[in-house]
C-alpha atoms as a PDB file:
ATOM      1  CA  MET A   1     109.541  95.734  96.741  1.00  0.00           C
ATOM      2  CA  SER A   2     107.285  93.954  94.005  1.00  0.00           C
ATOM      3  CA  PHE A   3     107.700  94.531  90.440  1.00  0.00           C
ATOM      4  CA  SER A   4     105.021  96.038  87.587  1.00  0.00           C
ATOM      5  CA  ARG A   5     106.021  95.282  84.278  1.00  0.00           C
ATOM      6  CA  LEU A   6     108.263  92.200  84.013  1.00  0.00           C
ATOM      7  CA  VAL A   7     110.870  92.368  81.177  1.00  0.00           C
ATOM      8  CA  ARG A   8     113.516  90.445  79.762  1.00  0.00           C
ATOM      9  CA  PHE A   9     116.534  92.270  78.128  1.00  0.00           C
ATOM     10  CA  ILE A  10     119.277  92.826  76.228  1.00  0.00           C
ATOM     11  CA  SER A  11     121.534  95.639  77.629  1.00  0.00           C
ATOM     12  CA  THR A  12     124.300  98.365  76.420  1.00  0.00           C
ATOM     13  CA  ASP A  13     126.927  96.369  78.086  1.00  0.00           C
ATOM     14  CA  GLY A  14     125.433  93.040  75.779  1.00  0.00           C
ATOM     15  CA  LYS A  15     124.046  90.908  78.508  1.00  0.00           C
ATOM     16  CA  THR A  16     120.457  89.503  79.457  1.00  0.00           C
ATOM     17  CA  TYR A  17     118.627  91.093  82.519  1.00  0.00           C
ATOM     18  CA  VAL A  18     115.284  90.648  83.983  1.00  0.00           C
ATOM     19  CA  GLY A  19     113.778  93.885  85.085  1.00  0.00           C
ATOM     20  CA  ASP A  20     110.937  96.136  85.803  1.00  0.00           C
ATOM     21  CA  ALA A  21     110.140  98.274  82.873  1.00  0.00           C
ATOM     22  CA  ILE A  22     110.702 102.173  83.531  1.00  0.00           C
ATOM     23  CA  LEU A  23     107.939 104.052  81.461  1.00  0.00           C
ATOM     24  CA  PRO A  24     108.493 106.932  79.766  1.00  0.00           C
ATOM     25  CA  ALA A  25     106.807 109.917  80.967  1.00  0.00           C
ATOM     26  CA  PHE A  26     103.387 110.441  80.125  1.00  0.00           C
ATOM     27  CA  THR A  27     102.488 106.698  79.114  1.00  0.00           C
ATOM     28  CA  TYR A  28     101.186 103.496  80.370  1.00  0.00           C
ATOM     29  CA  ASP A  29     102.281 101.076  76.920  1.00  0.00           C
ATOM     30  CA  ALA A  30     105.476  99.377  78.333  1.00  0.00           C
ATOM     31  CA  ARG A  31     106.370  98.158  75.182  1.00  0.00           C
ATOM     32  CA  LYS A  32     107.741 101.916  75.039  1.00  0.00           C
ATOM     33  CA  ALA A  33     110.128 101.883  78.251  1.00  0.00           C
ATOM     34  CA  THR A  34     114.169 101.748  76.927  1.00  0.00           C
ATOM     35  CA  HIS A  35     115.174 101.433  80.598  1.00  0.00           C
ATOM     36  CA  ALA A  36     114.296  98.856  83.751  1.00  0.00           C
ATOM     37  CA  LYS A  37     115.269  98.156  87.302  1.00  0.00           C
ATOM     38  CA  VAL A  38     117.753  95.160  87.051  1.00  0.00           C
ATOM     39  CA  ILE A  39     115.542  92.355  89.119  1.00  0.00           C
ATOM     40  CA  THR A  40     118.320  89.652  90.565  1.00  0.00           C
ATOM     41  CA  GLY A  41     116.639  86.186  92.202  1.00  0.00           C
ATOM     42  CA  ASP A  42     114.305  84.285  91.647  1.00  0.00           C
ATOM     43  CA  VAL A  43     110.737  86.482  90.104  1.00  0.00           C
ATOM     44  CA  PHE A  44     109.054  82.797  91.224  1.00  0.00           C
ATOM     45  CA  GLY A  45     110.527  82.871  94.585  1.00  0.00           C
ATOM     46  CA  GLU A  46     112.622  85.205  96.434  1.00  0.00           C
ATOM     47  CA  TYR A  47     113.822  88.544  94.360  1.00  0.00           C
ATOM     48  CA  LYS A  48     115.264  91.935  94.449  1.00  0.00           C
ATOM     49  CA  VAL A  49     114.108  94.972  92.480  1.00  0.00           C
ATOM     50  CA  THR A  50     117.554  96.893  92.574  1.00  0.00           C
ATOM     51  CA  ASN A  51     118.070 100.141  92.381  1.00  0.00           C
ATOM     52  CA  GLU A  52     120.032  99.316  89.643  1.00  0.00           C
ATOM     53  CA  LYS A  53     118.976 100.737  86.538  1.00  0.00           C
ATOM     54  CA  LYS A  54     120.002  99.485  82.667  1.00  0.00           C
ATOM     55  CA  VAL A  55     119.238 100.911  79.349  1.00  0.00           C
ATOM     56  CA  GLY A  56     117.342  98.057  76.757  1.00  0.00           C
ATOM     57  CA  GLU A  57     118.240  97.657  73.362  1.00  0.00           C
ATOM     58  CA  HIS A  58     115.780  94.374  73.236  1.00  0.00           C
ATOM     59  CA  LEU A  59     112.812  93.675  75.235  1.00  0.00           C
ATOM     60  CA  TRP A  60     110.614  91.140  75.770  1.00  0.00           C
ATOM     61  CA  PHE A  61     107.043  90.987  77.929  1.00  0.00           C
ATOM     62  CA  ALA A  62     106.410  88.655  80.023  1.00  0.00           C
ATOM     63  CA  ASP A  63     102.600  88.877  78.730  1.00  0.00           C
ATOM     64  CA  ASN A  64     104.080  87.566  75.514  1.00  0.00           C
ATOM     65  CA  GLY A  65     104.265  83.995  77.754  1.00  0.00           C
ATOM     66  CA  ILE A  66     107.185  83.393  80.251  1.00  0.00           C
ATOM     67  CA  ASN A  67     107.520  80.048  78.127  1.00  0.00           C
ATOM     68  CA  GLY A  68     108.134  82.432  75.255  1.00  0.00           C
ATOM     69  CA  TRP A  69     111.007  84.373  76.669  1.00  0.00           C
END
């Protein structure tokens, strides 16, 4: 499974994750996402988009530049 909206985020459990942002209904703006499916592995190599969903308190988007994370 591939991802569409790559984000790095701090979840409510205090841990940092990489995930695929889940968009709220009726929007295409990933900046409004508050949840994401967790991605495990290396997004530049082998990875898996899991069904585990986390709430993001702070999100960083890949469109800002990977090195800016």
